[in-house]
Amino acid sequence: MSNIAEGVERGGNREFLQFLAIAKGSAGEVRSQLYVARDAGYVDTATFESLIAETGDIPRLIGGLQRYLRDSDRSGSKYR
C-alpha cells in the first residue's frame, strides 16, 4: 500500500508504474512468507488457506491497474 501511495504522489504514469511493480513484488513476498509461517508452525492450515486466498487477488488487481496505465500512456492521457 505504501509503494502505491508513493507512486501516486510522484505525479506521472511512468513512475507510478514502477512503484506498482514494486508493490506487486511485495505482495509476492508476503505470500511467500505465509508459506514460511505455515511450514514453521506459526499459522495453522485454516488461517494459511484463508490468507493465501485473500492475498491472491492483489497481484491480479495491481496488474490490471498497470495495464490500464500503460494503455493510458499510449493514448496520451494521464491518470490524474
C-alpha atoms as a PDB file:
ATOM      1  CA  MET A   1       0.000   0.000   0.000  1.00  0.00           C
ATOM      2  CA  SER A   2       2.828   2.401   0.812  1.00  0.00           C
ATOM      3  CA  ASN A   3       4.507   1.793  -2.533  1.00  0.00           C
ATOM      4  CA  ILE A   4       1.272   2.557  -4.360  1.00  0.00           C
ATOM      5  CA  ALA A   5       0.775   5.753  -2.352  1.00  0.00           C
ATOM      6  CA  GLU A   6       4.332   6.862  -3.075  1.00  0.00           C
ATOM      7  CA  GLY A   7       3.879   6.163  -6.781  1.00  0.00           C
ATOM      8  CA  VAL A   8       0.709   8.245  -6.913  1.00  0.00           C
ATOM      9  CA  GLU A   9       2.487  11.189  -5.323  1.00  0.00           C
ATOM     10  CA  ARG A  10       5.233  11.088  -7.961  1.00  0.00           C
ATOM     11  CA  GLY A  11       2.742  12.530 -10.434  1.00  0.00           C
ATOM     12  CA  GLY A  12       3.232  10.555 -13.626  1.00  0.00           C
ATOM     13  CA  ASN A  13       2.289   7.208 -15.082  1.00  0.00           C
ATOM     14  CA  ARG A  14       5.868   6.040 -15.651  1.00  0.00           C
ATOM     15  CA  GLU A  15       6.919   6.386 -12.019  1.00  0.00           C
ATOM     16  CA  PHE A  16       3.555   5.137 -10.797  1.00  0.00           C
ATOM     17  CA  LEU A  17       4.051   2.004 -12.910  1.00  0.00           C
ATOM     18  CA  GLN A  18       7.461   1.499 -11.333  1.00  0.00           C
ATOM     19  CA  PHE A  19       6.019   1.666  -7.824  1.00  0.00           C
ATOM     20  CA  LEU A  20       3.144  -0.626  -8.804  1.00  0.00           C
ATOM     21  CA  ALA A  21       5.714  -3.189  -9.931  1.00  0.00           C
ATOM     22  CA  ILE A  22       7.409  -2.914  -6.543  1.00  0.00           C
ATOM     23  CA  ALA A  23       4.046  -3.296  -4.777  1.00  0.00           C
ATOM     24  CA  LYS A  24       3.241  -6.374  -6.870  1.00  0.00           C
ATOM     25  CA  GLY A  25       6.596  -7.878  -5.930  1.00  0.00           C
ATOM     26  CA  SER A  26       5.953  -7.108  -2.267  1.00  0.00           C
ATOM     27  CA  ALA A  27       2.620  -8.916  -2.499  1.00  0.00           C
ATOM     28  CA  GLY A  28       4.504 -11.953  -3.771  1.00  0.00           C
ATOM     29  CA  GLU A  29       6.905 -11.673  -0.851  1.00  0.00           C
ATOM     30  CA  VAL A  30       4.003 -11.647   1.608  1.00  0.00           C
ATOM     31  CA  ARG A  31       2.565 -14.767   0.018  1.00  0.00           C
ATOM     32  CA  SER A  32       5.981 -16.441   0.215  1.00  0.00           C
ATOM     33  CA  GLN A  33       6.302 -15.552   3.885  1.00  0.00           C
ATOM     34  CA  LEU A  34       2.886 -17.083   4.531  1.00  0.00           C
ATOM     35  CA  TYR A  35       4.285 -20.412   3.324  1.00  0.00           C
ATOM     36  CA  VAL A  36       7.268 -19.998   5.648  1.00  0.00           C
ATOM     37  CA  ALA A  37       4.944 -19.161   8.563  1.00  0.00           C
ATOM     38  CA  ARG A  38       2.804 -22.226   7.883  1.00  0.00           C
ATOM     39  CA  ASP A  39       5.801 -24.539   7.496  1.00  0.00           C
ATOM     40  CA  ALA A  40       7.319 -23.214  10.741  1.00  0.00           C
ATOM     41  CA  GLY A  41       4.030 -23.753  12.576  1.00  0.00           C
ATOM     42  CA  TYR A  42       3.280 -20.073  13.210  1.00  0.00           C
ATOM     43  CA  VAL A  43      -0.115 -20.275  11.469  1.00  0.00           C
ATOM     44  CA  ASP A  44      -2.478 -23.205  11.203  1.00  0.00           C
ATOM     45  CA  THR A  45      -3.641 -24.591   7.889  1.00  0.00           C
ATOM     46  CA  ALA A  46      -7.055 -22.904   8.005  1.00  0.00           C
ATOM     47  CA  THR A  47      -5.520 -19.486   8.673  1.00  0.00           C
ATOM     48  CA  PHE A  48      -2.904 -20.059   5.978  1.00  0.00           C
ATOM     49  CA  GLU A  49      -5.506 -21.036   3.375  1.00  0.00           C
ATOM     50  CA  SER A  50      -7.659 -18.033   4.257  1.00  0.00           C
ATOM     51  CA  LEU A  51      -4.739 -15.596   3.981  1.00  0.00           C
ATOM     52  CA  ILE A  52      -3.432 -17.119   0.745  1.00  0.00           C
ATOM     53  CA  ALA A  53      -6.915 -16.779  -0.753  1.00  0.00           C
ATOM     54  CA  GLU A  54      -7.227 -13.173   0.426  1.00  0.00           C
ATOM     55  CA  THR A  55      -3.826 -12.180  -0.936  1.00  0.00           C
ATOM     56  CA  GLY A  56      -4.334 -13.970  -4.248  1.00  0.00           C
ATOM     57  CA  ASP A  57      -6.303 -11.124  -5.809  1.00  0.00           C
ATOM     58  CA  ILE A  58      -3.757  -8.425  -5.016  1.00  0.00           C
ATOM     59  CA  PRO A  59      -1.219  -9.153  -7.804  1.00  0.00           C
ATOM     60  CA  ARG A  60      -4.077  -9.546 -10.306  1.00  0.00           C
ATOM     61  CA  LEU A  61      -5.611  -6.205  -9.323  1.00  0.00           C
ATOM     62  CA  ILE A  62      -2.255  -4.416  -9.460  1.00  0.00           C
ATOM     63  CA  GLY A  63      -1.603  -5.985 -12.867  1.00  0.00           C
ATOM     64  CA  GLY A  64      -4.929  -4.659 -14.132  1.00  0.00           C
ATOM     65  CA  LEU A  65      -4.046  -1.163 -12.956  1.00  0.00           C
ATOM     66  CA  GLN A  66      -0.641  -1.465 -14.646  1.00  0.00           C
ATOM     67  CA  ARG A  67      -2.313  -2.425 -17.949  1.00  0.00           C
ATOM     68  CA  TYR A  68      -4.724   0.485 -17.638  1.00  0.00           C
ATOM     69  CA  LEU A  69      -1.880   2.949 -17.071  1.00  0.00           C
ATOM     70  CA  ARG A  70       0.177   1.559 -19.962  1.00  0.00           C
ATOM     71  CA  ASP A  71      -2.851   1.898 -22.238  1.00  0.00           C
ATOM     72  CA  SER A  72      -3.401   5.459 -20.957  1.00  0.00           C
ATOM     73  CA  ASP A  73       0.210   6.325 -21.790  1.00  0.00           C
ATOM     74  CA  ARG A  74      -0.291   5.069 -25.345  1.00  0.00           C
ATOM     75  CA  SER A  75      -3.423   7.155 -25.744  1.00  0.00           C
ATOM     76  CA  GLY A  76      -1.721  10.247 -24.304  1.00  0.00           C
ATOM     77  CA  SER A  77      -3.964  10.630 -21.250  1.00  0.00           C
ATOM     78  CA  LYS A  78      -2.833  10.811 -17.637  1.00  0.00           C
ATOM     79  CA  TYR A  79      -4.325   9.118 -14.595  1.00  0.00           C
ATOM     80  CA  ARG A  80      -4.632  12.467 -12.825  1.00  0.00           C
END
